[in-house]
Every structure is written in structure tokens, then in C-alpha cells.
C-alpha atoms as a PDB file:
ATOM      1  CA  UNK A   1     -37.628  10.936 -21.396  1.00  0.00           C
ATOM      2  CA  UNK A   2     -34.441   9.275 -22.558  1.00  0.00           C
ATOM      3  CA  UNK A   3     -33.491   5.977 -20.978  1.00  0.00           C
ATOM      4  CA  UNK A   4     -30.271   6.030 -19.008  1.00  0.00           C
ATOM      5  CA  UNK A   5     -27.317   4.386 -20.723  1.00  0.00           C
ATOM      6  CA  UNK A   6     -26.942   1.032 -18.845  1.00  0.00           C
ATOM      7  CA  UNK A   7     -23.205   0.942 -19.430  1.00  0.00           C
ATOM      8  CA  UNK A   8     -22.721   4.466 -18.152  1.00  0.00           C
ATOM      9  CA  UNK A   9     -24.979   3.664 -15.186  1.00  0.00           C
ATOM     10  CA  UNK A  10     -22.871   0.591 -14.348  1.00  0.00           C
ATOM     11  CA  UNK A  11     -19.692   2.646 -14.647  1.00  0.00           C
ATOM     12  CA  UNK A  12     -20.966   5.295 -12.257  1.00  0.00           C
ATOM     13  CA  UNK A  13     -22.198   2.687  -9.734  1.00  0.00           C
ATOM     14  CA  UNK A  14     -18.781   1.000  -9.782  1.00  0.00           C
ATOM     15  CA  UNK A  15     -17.009   4.301  -9.203  1.00  0.00           C
ATOM     16  CA  UNK A  16     -19.359   5.071  -6.355  1.00  0.00           C
ATOM     17  CA  UNK A  17     -18.735   1.707  -4.659  1.00  0.00           C
ATOM     18  CA  UNK A  18     -14.967   2.044  -4.900  1.00  0.00           C
ATOM     19  CA  UNK A  19     -15.045   5.559  -3.499  1.00  0.00           C
ATOM     20  CA  UNK A  20     -17.253   4.372  -0.647  1.00  0.00           C
ATOM     21  CA  UNK A  21     -14.749   1.629   0.160  1.00  0.00           C
ATOM     22  CA  UNK A  22     -11.830   4.065   0.401  1.00  0.00           C
ATOM     23  CA  UNK A  23     -13.527   7.017   2.096  1.00  0.00           C
ATOM     24  CA  UNK A  24     -15.121   7.086   5.523  1.00  0.00           C
ATOM     25  CA  UNK A  25     -18.384   8.745   4.578  1.00  0.00           C
ATOM     26  CA  UNK A  26     -19.590   8.621   8.196  1.00  0.00           C
ATOM     27  CA  UNK A  27     -16.815  11.065   9.018  1.00  0.00           C
ATOM     28  CA  UNK A  28     -17.559  13.193   6.023  1.00  0.00           C
ATOM     29  CA  UNK A  29     -14.602  12.014   3.958  1.00  0.00           C
ATOM     30  CA  UNK A  30     -14.697  12.576   0.183  1.00  0.00           C
ATOM     31  CA  UNK A  31     -12.205  11.535  -2.475  1.00  0.00           C
ATOM     32  CA  UNK A  32      -8.962  13.508  -2.531  1.00  0.00           C
ATOM     33  CA  UNK A  33      -9.154  15.995  -5.439  1.00  0.00           C
ATOM     34  CA  UNK A  34      -6.047  15.946  -7.657  1.00  0.00           C
ATOM     35  CA  UNK A  35      -4.250  19.253  -7.487  1.00  0.00           C
ATOM     36  CA  UNK A  36      -2.036  21.082 -10.011  1.00  0.00           C
ATOM     37  CA  UNK A  37      -0.030  22.200  -6.986  1.00  0.00           C
ATOM     38  CA  UNK A  38       0.711  18.716  -5.570  1.00  0.00           C
ATOM     39  CA  UNK A  39       4.151  17.615  -4.453  1.00  0.00           C
ATOM     40  CA  UNK A  40       4.517  15.716  -7.775  1.00  0.00           C
ATOM     41  CA  UNK A  41       3.598  16.690 -11.338  1.00  0.00           C
ATOM     42  CA  UNK A  42       0.968  14.831 -13.367  1.00  0.00           C
ATOM     43  CA  UNK A  43       2.009  11.778 -15.353  1.00  0.00           C
ATOM     44  CA  UNK A  44       5.195  11.271 -13.415  1.00  0.00           C
ATOM     45  CA  UNK A  45       6.026   7.799 -12.112  1.00  0.00           C
ATOM     46  CA  UNK A  46       4.711   8.131  -8.556  1.00  0.00           C
ATOM     47  CA  UNK A  47       1.368   9.515  -9.719  1.00  0.00           C
ATOM     48  CA  UNK A  48       0.998   6.750 -12.314  1.00  0.00           C
ATOM     49  CA  UNK A  49       1.897   3.904  -9.925  1.00  0.00           C
ATOM     50  CA  UNK A  50      -0.241   5.180  -7.040  1.00  0.00           C
ATOM     51  CA  UNK A  51      -3.234   5.775  -9.324  1.00  0.00           C
ATOM     52  CA  UNK A  52      -3.990   2.093  -9.914  1.00  0.00           C
ATOM     53  CA  UNK A  53      -6.356   0.976  -7.190  1.00  0.00           C
ATOM     54  CA  UNK A  54      -5.968  -2.777  -7.618  1.00  0.00           C
ATOM     55  CA  UNK A  55      -2.198  -3.004  -7.896  1.00  0.00           C
ATOM     56  CA  UNK A  56      -1.900  -0.642  -4.915  1.00  0.00           C
ATOM     57  CA  UNK A  57      -4.169  -2.978  -2.856  1.00  0.00           C
ATOM     58  CA  UNK A  58      -2.008  -5.965  -3.818  1.00  0.00           C
ATOM     59  CA  UNK A  59       1.240  -4.104  -3.164  1.00  0.00           C
ATOM     60  CA  UNK A  60      -0.076  -2.697   0.065  1.00  0.00           C
ATOM     61  CA  UNK A  61      -0.994  -6.141   1.484  1.00  0.00           C
ATOM     62  CA  UNK A  62       2.402  -7.519   0.413  1.00  0.00           C
ATOM     63  CA  UNK A  63       4.172  -4.598   2.099  1.00  0.00           C
ATOM     64  CA  UNK A  64       2.146  -5.021   5.296  1.00  0.00           C
ATOM     65  CA  UNK A  65       3.037  -8.708   5.456  1.00  0.00           C
ATOM     66  CA  UNK A  66       6.753  -7.815   5.211  1.00  0.00           C
ATOM     67  CA  UNK A  67       6.410  -5.057   7.786  1.00  0.00           C
ATOM     68  CA  UNK A  68       5.026  -7.466  10.357  1.00  0.00           C
ATOM     69  CA  UNK A  69       8.396  -9.320  10.313  1.00  0.00           C
ATOM     70  CA  UNK A  70      10.071  -6.238  11.844  1.00  0.00           C
ATOM     71  CA  UNK A  71       9.557  -6.623  15.599  1.00  0.00           C
ATOM     72  CA  UNK A  72       9.380  -2.872  16.205  1.00  0.00           C
ATOM     73  CA  UNK A  73       6.836  -2.248  13.484  1.00  0.00           C
ATOM     74  CA  UNK A  74       4.790  -5.269  14.615  1.00  0.00           C
ATOM     75  CA  UNK A  75       4.756  -4.228  18.266  1.00  0.00           C
ATOM     76  CA  UNK A  76       3.684  -0.701  17.370  1.00  0.00           C
ATOM     77  CA  UNK A  77       0.693  -2.105  15.469  1.00  0.00           C
ATOM     78  CA  UNK A  78      -0.238  -4.483  18.286  1.00  0.00           C
ATOM     79  CA  UNK A  79       0.150  -1.925  21.073  1.00  0.00           C
ATOM     80  CA  UNK A  80      -1.282   1.215  19.452  1.00  0.00           C
ATOM     81  CA  UNK A  81      -3.943   0.197  16.966  1.00  0.00           C
ATOM     82  CA  UNK A  82      -7.180  -1.773  16.736  1.00  0.00           C
ATOM     83  CA  UNK A  83      -5.930  -3.532  13.601  1.00  0.00           C
ATOM     84  CA  UNK A  84      -7.481  -6.883  14.551  1.00  0.00           C
ATOM     85  CA  UNK A  85     -10.950  -5.314  14.908  1.00  0.00           C
ATOM     86  CA  UNK A  86     -10.699  -2.710  12.146  1.00  0.00           C
ATOM     87  CA  UNK A  87      -8.317  -3.865   9.466  1.00  0.00           C
ATOM     88  CA  UNK A  88     -10.386  -2.151   6.777  1.00  0.00           C
ATOM     89  CA  UNK A  89     -10.155   1.166   8.613  1.00  0.00           C
ATOM     90  CA  UNK A  90      -6.402   0.847   8.962  1.00  0.00           C
ATOM     91  CA  UNK A  91      -5.958   0.091   5.270  1.00  0.00           C
ATOM     92  CA  UNK A  92      -8.362   2.908   4.309  1.00  0.00           C
ATOM     93  CA  UNK A  93      -6.369   5.447   6.365  1.00  0.00           C
ATOM     94  CA  UNK A  94      -3.128   4.326   4.779  1.00  0.00           C
ATOM     95  CA  UNK A  95      -4.639   4.607   1.307  1.00  0.00           C
ATOM     96  CA  UNK A  96      -5.923   8.094   2.088  1.00  0.00           C
ATOM     97  CA  UNK A  97      -2.443   9.172   3.255  1.00  0.00           C
ATOM     98  CA  UNK A  98      -0.922   7.907   0.047  1.00  0.00           C
ATOM     99  CA  UNK A  99      -3.594   9.720  -1.983  1.00  0.00           C
ATOM    100  CA  UNK A 100      -3.204  13.030  -0.174  1.00  0.00           C
ATOM    101  CA  UNK A 101       0.603  13.021  -0.323  1.00  0.00           C
ATOM    102  CA  UNK A 102       0.651  11.958  -3.979  1.00  0.00           C
ATOM    103  CA  UNK A 103      -2.193  13.981  -5.531  1.00  0.00           C
ATOM    104  CA  UNK A 104      -3.406  16.500  -2.988  1.00  0.00           C
ATOM    105  CA  UNK A 105      -2.392  20.164  -2.742  1.00  0.00           C
ATOM    106  CA  UNK A 106       1.141  20.331  -1.355  1.00  0.00           C
ATOM    107  CA  UNK A 107      -0.136  22.179   1.782  1.00  0.00           C
ATOM    108  CA  UNK A 108      -2.563  19.285   2.489  1.00  0.00           C
ATOM    109  CA  UNK A 109       0.235  16.745   1.786  1.00  0.00           C
ATOM    110  CA  UNK A 110       2.621  18.422   4.220  1.00  0.00           C
ATOM    111  CA  UNK A 111      -0.127  18.694   6.822  1.00  0.00           C
ATOM    112  CA  UNK A 112      -0.872  14.988   6.493  1.00  0.00           C
ATOM    113  CA  UNK A 113       2.817  14.142   6.974  1.00  0.00           C
ATOM    114  CA  UNK A 114       2.964  16.388  10.054  1.00  0.00           C
ATOM    115  CA  UNK A 115      -0.092  14.596  11.529  1.00  0.00           C
ATOM    116  CA  UNK A 116       1.539  11.216  11.030  1.00  0.00           C
ATOM    117  CA  UNK A 117       4.761  12.468  12.665  1.00  0.00           C
ATOM    118  CA  UNK A 118       2.737  13.649  15.676  1.00  0.00           C
ATOM    119  CA  UNK A 119       1.069  10.241  15.970  1.00  0.00           C
ATOM    120  CA  UNK A 120       4.393   8.409  15.601  1.00  0.00           C
ATOM    121  CA  UNK A 121       5.882  10.475  18.458  1.00  0.00           C
ATOM    122  CA  UNK A 122       3.410   8.852  20.862  1.00  0.00           C
ATOM    123  CA  UNK A 123       4.047   5.295  19.670  1.00  0.00           C
ATOM    124  CA  UNK A 124       6.760   3.881  21.877  1.00  0.00           C
ATOM    125  CA  UNK A 125       7.175   1.052  24.338  1.00  0.00           C
ATOM    126  CA  UNK A 126       9.149  -2.142  24.881  1.00  0.00           C
ATOM    127  CA  UNK A 127       9.343  -5.452  23.118  1.00  0.00           C
ATOM    128  CA  UNK A 128       8.660  -8.656  25.114  1.00  0.00           C
ATOM    129  CA  UNK A 129      12.426  -8.996  25.680  1.00  0.00           C
ATOM    130  CA  UNK A 130      12.626  -5.500  27.154  1.00  0.00           C
ATOM    131  CA  UNK A 131      14.106  -3.772  24.067  1.00  0.00           C
ATOM    132  CA  UNK A 132      12.695  -0.265  23.669  1.00  0.00           C
ATOM    133  CA  UNK A 133      10.944   0.594  20.403  1.00  0.00           C
ATOM    134  CA  UNK A 134       9.690   3.857  18.882  1.00  0.00           C
ATOM    135  CA  UNK A 135       7.735   4.644  15.733  1.00  0.00           C
ATOM    136  CA  UNK A 136      10.150   7.519  15.154  1.00  0.00           C
ATOM    137  CA  UNK A 137      13.126   5.198  14.824  1.00  0.00           C
ATOM    138  CA  UNK A 138      14.628   6.095  11.416  1.00  0.00           C
ATOM    139  CA  UNK A 139      15.630   2.498  10.668  1.00  0.00           C
ATOM    140  CA  UNK A 140      12.169   1.108  11.421  1.00  0.00           C
ATOM    141  CA  UNK A 141      10.679   3.840   9.232  1.00  0.00           C
ATOM    142  CA  UNK A 142      13.147   2.918   6.511  1.00  0.00           C
ATOM    143  CA  UNK A 143      11.933  -0.696   6.547  1.00  0.00           C
ATOM    144  CA  UNK A 144       8.289   0.470   6.282  1.00  0.00           C
ATOM    145  CA  UNK A 145       9.197   2.730   3.366  1.00  0.00           C
ATOM    146  CA  UNK A 146      11.363   0.257   1.473  1.00  0.00           C
ATOM    147  CA  UNK A 147       8.756  -2.490   1.690  1.00  0.00           C
ATOM    148  CA  UNK A 148       5.990  -0.159   0.489  1.00  0.00           C
ATOM    149  CA  UNK A 149       7.975   1.325  -2.377  1.00  0.00           C
ATOM    150  CA  UNK A 150       9.230  -2.056  -3.618  1.00  0.00           C
ATOM    151  CA  UNK A 151       5.887  -3.822  -3.292  1.00  0.00           C
ATOM    152  CA  UNK A 152       3.793  -0.960  -4.785  1.00  0.00           C
ATOM    153  CA  UNK A 153       6.137  -0.861  -7.759  1.00  0.00           C
ATOM    154  CA  UNK A 154       6.379  -4.644  -8.105  1.00  0.00           C
ATOM    155  CA  UNK A 155       2.575  -4.961  -8.094  1.00  0.00           C
ATOM    156  CA  UNK A 156       2.372  -2.244 -10.792  1.00  0.00           C
ATOM    157  CA  UNK A 157       5.026  -4.032 -12.901  1.00  0.00           C
ATOM    158  CA  UNK A 158       3.312  -7.371 -12.467  1.00  0.00           C
ATOM    159  CA  UNK A 159      -0.287  -6.376 -13.119  1.00  0.00           C
ATOM    160  CA  UNK A 160      -0.241  -3.098 -15.064  1.00  0.00           C
ATOM    161  CA  UNK A 161       2.944  -2.133 -16.902  1.00  0.00           C
ATOM    162  CA  UNK A 162       5.698  -4.774 -17.042  1.00  0.00           C
ATOM    163  CA  UNK A 163       7.618  -2.791 -19.646  1.00  0.00           C
ATOM    164  CA  UNK A 164       8.109   0.302 -17.437  1.00  0.00           C
ATOM    165  CA  UNK A 165      11.671   1.560 -18.225  1.00  0.00           C
ATOM    166  CA  UNK A 166      14.193   1.247 -15.393  1.00  0.00           C
ATOM    167  CA  UNK A 167      14.812   5.009 -15.547  1.00  0.00           C
ATOM    168  CA  UNK A 168      11.120   5.610 -14.682  1.00  0.00           C
ATOM    169  CA  UNK A 169      11.340   2.997 -11.906  1.00  0.00           C
ATOM    170  CA  UNK A 170      14.335   4.851 -10.448  1.00  0.00           C
ATOM    171  CA  UNK A 171      12.442   8.134 -10.683  1.00  0.00           C
ATOM    172  CA  UNK A 172       9.618   6.531  -8.701  1.00  0.00           C
ATOM    173  CA  UNK A 173      12.013   5.894  -5.823  1.00  0.00           C
ATOM    174  CA  UNK A 174      13.454   9.424  -6.032  1.00  0.00           C
ATOM    175  CA  UNK A 175       9.986  10.890  -5.818  1.00  0.00           C
ATOM    176  CA  UNK A 176       8.786   8.641  -2.997  1.00  0.00           C
ATOM    177  CA  UNK A 177      11.967   9.505  -1.087  1.00  0.00           C
ATOM    178  CA  UNK A 178      10.680  13.032  -0.549  1.00  0.00           C
ATOM    179  CA  UNK A 179       7.828  11.708   1.610  1.00  0.00           C
ATOM    180  CA  UNK A 180      10.012   9.141   3.404  1.00  0.00           C
ATOM    181  CA  UNK A 181      12.542  11.713   4.482  1.00  0.00           C
ATOM    182  CA  UNK A 182       9.839  14.050   5.814  1.00  0.00           C
ATOM    183  CA  UNK A 183       8.592  11.119   7.882  1.00  0.00           C
ATOM    184  CA  UNK A 184      12.073  10.607   9.333  1.00  0.00           C
ATOM    185  CA  UNK A 185      13.162   7.440   7.529  1.00  0.00           C
ATOM    186  CA  UNK A 186      16.856   6.716   7.116  1.00  0.00           C
ATOM    187  CA  UNK A 187      18.335   5.261   4.964  1.00  0.00           C
ATOM    188  CA  UNK A 188      16.112   6.224   2.051  1.00  0.00           C
ATOM    189  CA  UNK A 189      16.710   4.766  -1.460  1.00  0.00           C
ATOM    190  CA  UNK A 190      16.673   6.909  -4.571  1.00  0.00           C
ATOM    191  CA  UNK A 191      16.969   4.066  -7.108  1.00  0.00           C
ATOM    192  CA  UNK A 192      15.560   0.592  -7.395  1.00  0.00           C
ATOM    193  CA  UNK A 193      19.013  -0.907  -6.897  1.00  0.00           C
ATOM    194  CA  UNK A 194      19.446   1.067  -3.671  1.00  0.00           C
ATOM    195  CA  UNK A 195      16.035  -0.074  -2.446  1.00  0.00           C
ATOM    196  CA  UNK A 196      16.882  -3.699  -3.125  1.00  0.00           C
ATOM    197  CA  UNK A 197      20.235  -3.301  -1.332  1.00  0.00           C
ATOM    198  CA  UNK A 198      18.623  -1.782   1.744  1.00  0.00           C
ATOM    199  CA  UNK A 199      16.005  -4.530   1.738  1.00  0.00           C
ATOM    200  CA  UNK A 200      18.724  -7.227   1.695  1.00  0.00           C
ATOM    201  CA  UNK A 201      20.752  -5.442   4.420  1.00  0.00           C
ATOM    202  CA  UNK A 202      17.738  -5.075   6.741  1.00  0.00           C
ATOM    203  CA  UNK A 203      16.800  -8.756   6.590  1.00  0.00           C
ATOM    204  CA  UNK A 204      18.956  -9.192   9.683  1.00  0.00           C
ATOM    205  CA  UNK A 205      16.455  -7.015  11.648  1.00  0.00           C
ATOM    206  CA  UNK A 206      13.550  -9.334  10.931  1.00  0.00           C
ATOM    207  CA  UNK A 207      12.107 -11.948  13.270  1.00  0.00           C
ATOM    208  CA  UNK A 208       9.365 -14.505  12.992  1.00  0.00           C
ATOM    209  CA  UNK A 209       6.854 -14.803  15.829  1.00  0.00           C
ATOM    210  CA  UNK A 210       3.401 -16.201  16.598  1.00  0.00           C
ATOM    211  CA  UNK A 211       2.045 -12.620  16.566  1.00  0.00           C
ATOM    212  CA  UNK A 212       3.544 -11.899  13.112  1.00  0.00           C
ATOM    213  CA  UNK A 213       1.993 -15.089  11.774  1.00  0.00           C
ATOM    214  CA  UNK A 214      -1.373 -14.246  13.370  1.00  0.00           C
ATOM    215  CA  UNK A 215      -1.430 -10.785  11.749  1.00  0.00           C
ATOM    216  CA  UNK A 216      -0.377 -12.319   8.423  1.00  0.00           C
ATOM    217  CA  UNK A 217      -3.333 -14.678   8.528  1.00  0.00           C
ATOM    218  CA  UNK A 218      -5.605 -11.731   9.321  1.00  0.00           C
ATOM    219  CA  UNK A 219      -4.260  -9.757   6.351  1.00  0.00           C
ATOM    220  CA  UNK A 220      -4.686 -12.682   3.991  1.00  0.00           C
ATOM    221  CA  UNK A 221      -7.978 -14.128   5.182  1.00  0.00           C
ATOM    222  CA  UNK A 222     -10.149 -11.404   6.773  1.00  0.00           C
ATOM    223  CA  UNK A 223     -12.690 -10.125   4.295  1.00  0.00           C
ATOM    224  CA  UNK A 224     -12.711  -6.437   3.506  1.00  0.00           C
ATOM    225  CA  UNK A 225     -16.137  -4.783   3.698  1.00  0.00           C
ATOM    226  CA  UNK A 226     -18.137  -4.099   0.527  1.00  0.00           C
ATOM    227  CA  UNK A 227     -17.919  -5.377  -3.009  1.00  0.00           C
ATOM    228  CA  UNK A 228     -14.147  -5.643  -2.825  1.00  0.00           C
ATOM    229  CA  UNK A 229     -14.543  -8.489  -0.328  1.00  0.00           C
ATOM    230  CA  UNK A 230     -15.666 -10.839  -3.080  1.00  0.00           C
ATOM    231  CA  UNK A 231     -12.410 -10.583  -4.932  1.00  0.00           C
ATOM    232  CA  UNK A 232     -10.134 -10.181  -1.883  1.00  0.00           C
ATOM    233  CA  UNK A 233      -9.030 -13.846  -1.829  1.00  0.00           C
ATOM    234  CA  UNK A 234      -7.659 -13.378  -5.347  1.00  0.00           C
ATOM    235  CA  UNK A 235      -5.918 -10.116  -4.418  1.00  0.00           C
ATOM    236  CA  UNK A 236      -4.491 -11.703  -1.249  1.00  0.00           C
ATOM    237  CA  UNK A 237      -3.060 -14.578  -3.336  1.00  0.00           C
ATOM    238  CA  UNK A 238      -1.495 -12.087  -5.686  1.00  0.00           C
ATOM    239  CA  UNK A 239      -0.007 -10.247  -2.699  1.00  0.00           C
ATOM    240  CA  UNK A 240       1.444 -13.437  -1.155  1.00  0.00           C
ATOM    241  CA  UNK A 241       2.918 -14.310  -4.572  1.00  0.00           C
ATOM    242  CA  UNK A 242       4.891 -11.026  -4.463  1.00  0.00           C
ATOM    243  CA  UNK A 243       6.379 -11.697  -1.035  1.00  0.00           C
ATOM    244  CA  UNK A 244       9.884 -13.223  -1.218  1.00  0.00           C
ATOM    245  CA  UNK A 245      10.162 -16.938  -0.349  1.00  0.00           C
ATOM    246  CA  UNK A 246      12.127 -16.363   2.880  1.00  0.00           C
ATOM    247  CA  UNK A 247       9.379 -14.027   4.192  1.00  0.00           C
ATOM    248  CA  UNK A 248       6.581 -16.476   3.279  1.00  0.00           C
ATOM    249  CA  UNK A 249       8.428 -19.133   5.282  1.00  0.00           C
ATOM    250  CA  UNK A 250       8.809 -16.841   8.274  1.00  0.00           C
ATOM    251  CA  UNK A 251       5.102 -15.949   8.147  1.00  0.00           C
ATOM    252  CA  UNK A 252       3.954 -19.600   7.527  1.00  0.00           C
ATOM    253  CA  UNK A 253       2.376 -18.614   4.229  1.00  0.00           C
ATOM    254  CA  UNK A 254       2.272 -20.965   1.293  1.00  0.00           C
ATOM    255  CA  UNK A 255       2.898 -19.769  -2.183  1.00  0.00           C
ATOM    256  CA  UNK A 256      -0.439 -19.751  -4.080  1.00  0.00           C
ATOM    257  CA  UNK A 257       0.793 -22.469  -6.507  1.00  0.00           C
ATOM    258  CA  UNK A 258      -1.899 -23.315  -9.046  1.00  0.00           C
ATOM    259  CA  UNK A 259      -4.063 -20.544  -7.573  1.00  0.00           C
ATOM    260  CA  UNK A 260      -1.526 -17.923  -8.761  1.00  0.00           C
ATOM    261  CA  UNK A 261      -2.776 -18.055 -12.348  1.00  0.00           C
ATOM    262  CA  UNK A 262      -6.506 -17.430 -11.630  1.00  0.00           C
ATOM    263  CA  UNK A 263      -5.530 -14.837  -9.034  1.00  0.00           C
ATOM    264  CA  UNK A 264      -3.453 -12.960 -11.572  1.00  0.00           C
ATOM    265  CA  UNK A 265      -6.208 -13.172 -14.159  1.00  0.00           C
ATOM    266  CA  UNK A 266      -8.848 -11.841 -11.724  1.00  0.00           C
ATOM    267  CA  UNK A 267      -6.476  -9.130 -10.447  1.00  0.00           C
ATOM    268  CA  UNK A 268      -5.639  -7.995 -13.970  1.00  0.00           C
ATOM    269  CA  UNK A 269      -9.273  -8.060 -15.068  1.00  0.00           C
ATOM    270  CA  UNK A 270     -10.426  -6.118 -12.014  1.00  0.00           C
ATOM    271  CA  UNK A 271      -7.663  -3.545 -12.562  1.00  0.00           C
ATOM    272  CA  UNK A 272      -8.717  -3.084 -16.166  1.00  0.00           C
ATOM    273  CA  UNK A 273     -12.350  -2.741 -15.182  1.00  0.00           C
ATOM    274  CA  UNK A 274     -11.583  -0.074 -12.602  1.00  0.00           C
ATOM    275  CA  UNK A 275      -9.381   1.836 -14.994  1.00  0.00           C
ATOM    276  CA  UNK A 276     -12.294   1.778 -17.447  1.00  0.00           C
ATOM    277  CA  UNK A 277     -14.680   2.961 -14.733  1.00  0.00           C
ATOM    278  CA  UNK A 278     -12.413   5.836 -13.725  1.00  0.00           C
ATOM    279  CA  UNK A 279     -11.503   6.556 -17.360  1.00  0.00           C
ATOM    280  CA  UNK A 280      -7.813   6.027 -16.666  1.00  0.00           C
ATOM    281  CA  UNK A 281      -5.197   4.875 -19.125  1.00  0.00           C
ATOM    282  CA  UNK A 282      -2.791   2.227 -17.787  1.00  0.00           C
ATOM    283  CA  UNK A 283       0.032   4.767 -17.878  1.00  0.00           C
ATOM    284  CA  UNK A 284      -1.959   7.813 -16.848  1.00  0.00           C
ATOM    285  CA  UNK A 285      -2.442   9.578 -13.519  1.00  0.00           C
ATOM    286  CA  UNK A 286      -4.996  11.806 -11.806  1.00  0.00           C
END
């Protein structure tokens, strides 16, 4: 009987552990199968960017930090989720939504968007000052989308492909806009320059608060379950490093400083290892 290849065995175990971290096996979830009838074609910018597990984790944490500075987005999380108790579950559900809408069959993608719209319709209330808020507010949704698209792409440029042409970066925003509009966001950027302009314009909507700082500390410091937890501090430092200085100040977060270099090295090494495990090329997509 032939001995199993130890390298191949290690690769398969790594793939298995990553899939377990991003799929709720207790609920019967399995990885989203890439479809030839997805909303986006293979090897287009959105499928390449969203394929990289590590840079998406870094970008996702950075985006979530920025979103907590919007009082409407923050209050929706505090009032209608168990984020404090189940941060991993919240991040896993977000990752699955991104996977389904990017790679899944277009019918599954549209169904996932419809489910989120149904959930958002129930998320409404008032801020501590009495101002009403709703998760269907187009401007709040625009902030969520702009922070995600900018941070996902910035993490990809920083840790995977810094030489990505600007034309491909713009195409990424045009593609992601399709999902944002179906979710009700407005305004929605179709180029990187438009995204940066909307980001600057919406800074006036942001507020610091003890609650925003508390959630920020939770995002940065609470360990994710499984093997990923061991490298999470490095990924969190990489995420904080992506956040603009004004936002770090509002969230009482310090720039990683000397820790930025080892965090980048670990993040890049982990990303390369996972691409090897999943047999992905840096510029390829499922």
C-alpha cells in the first residue's frame, strides 16, 4: 500500500480547516460551488479580488471598523445582532454572502440579495438622540458598500497584486456596483476615483462614540475560532494599518508601528500558503 504524500496530506488538511472556518457545518453549510452562470465571468476583477481569503479577511475587518463610525450602521449592529457574542458567526455570514453573490449561480446570488433586503427591512429604530434610522437607508448602505469595496481592493493591492492596472481597479467597482444597487445603496461608485470621492464626502456623517470604540476593540482583539485565531493578531494589525488616520483616531486605535512589518510578512505568507493549498494563482479566480 502506497504511503500518502505528506505534502498533499497537509494541503488537504489546510483546505479542510479553512472551509470549516467559513462554513457552518452544524447547519449543513458547504462551500459555495463556482458557477459558469454567476453574475460575473471568471477571471474578471471582482472574482479575482474576492477569491483571496486572507486579503478579504484583512479588508473585511478594516471595512467593519470604518462602518462602526456611521451611527446608523453602528446602531443597527448593536440593536439587531448578537455581534458581541458571535463575531465569528457574523463575519462568516458576510463572507458567505460575498461568495454566493460573486461565484454562485446567478439565481442563488439574486436570492441571497433578496434575503438580505428582507432582513434590512426589519432593521429600524432610533439613535440615542431620537434620530430615526433604517438599514434600508440608501446613504447608509452606500457607506457600507464604499468601505467594503475600497478596503477589499486596498487589501488586495497591498498583500497580493500591487501592480493591478487602474483600469482593472475601476472595473472592480463597476462590477461590485451591480450588487450594491440591488441592495438599495445610493450613491454607488463605478470607478475608484468616484469611490474615494464618496468616501471623502460622507466623512461628515461619521461620529465617534464609546460604543464604536468598544466594537472596534472587539474586532481587533477577539480571537476567531479555529486555526485562524493564531494569526488573527497579525491580520488585525494589517487591517488597522489600512484604516485612514482620522478613523483610527476616532476609534482610539493606534497604528501598528513596528508591528506593521511582521504583520505584513505573516499576512503575505499566509495568503501565499492558502493560494498554494487551494491551487490558486495570485491573479486567478474560482
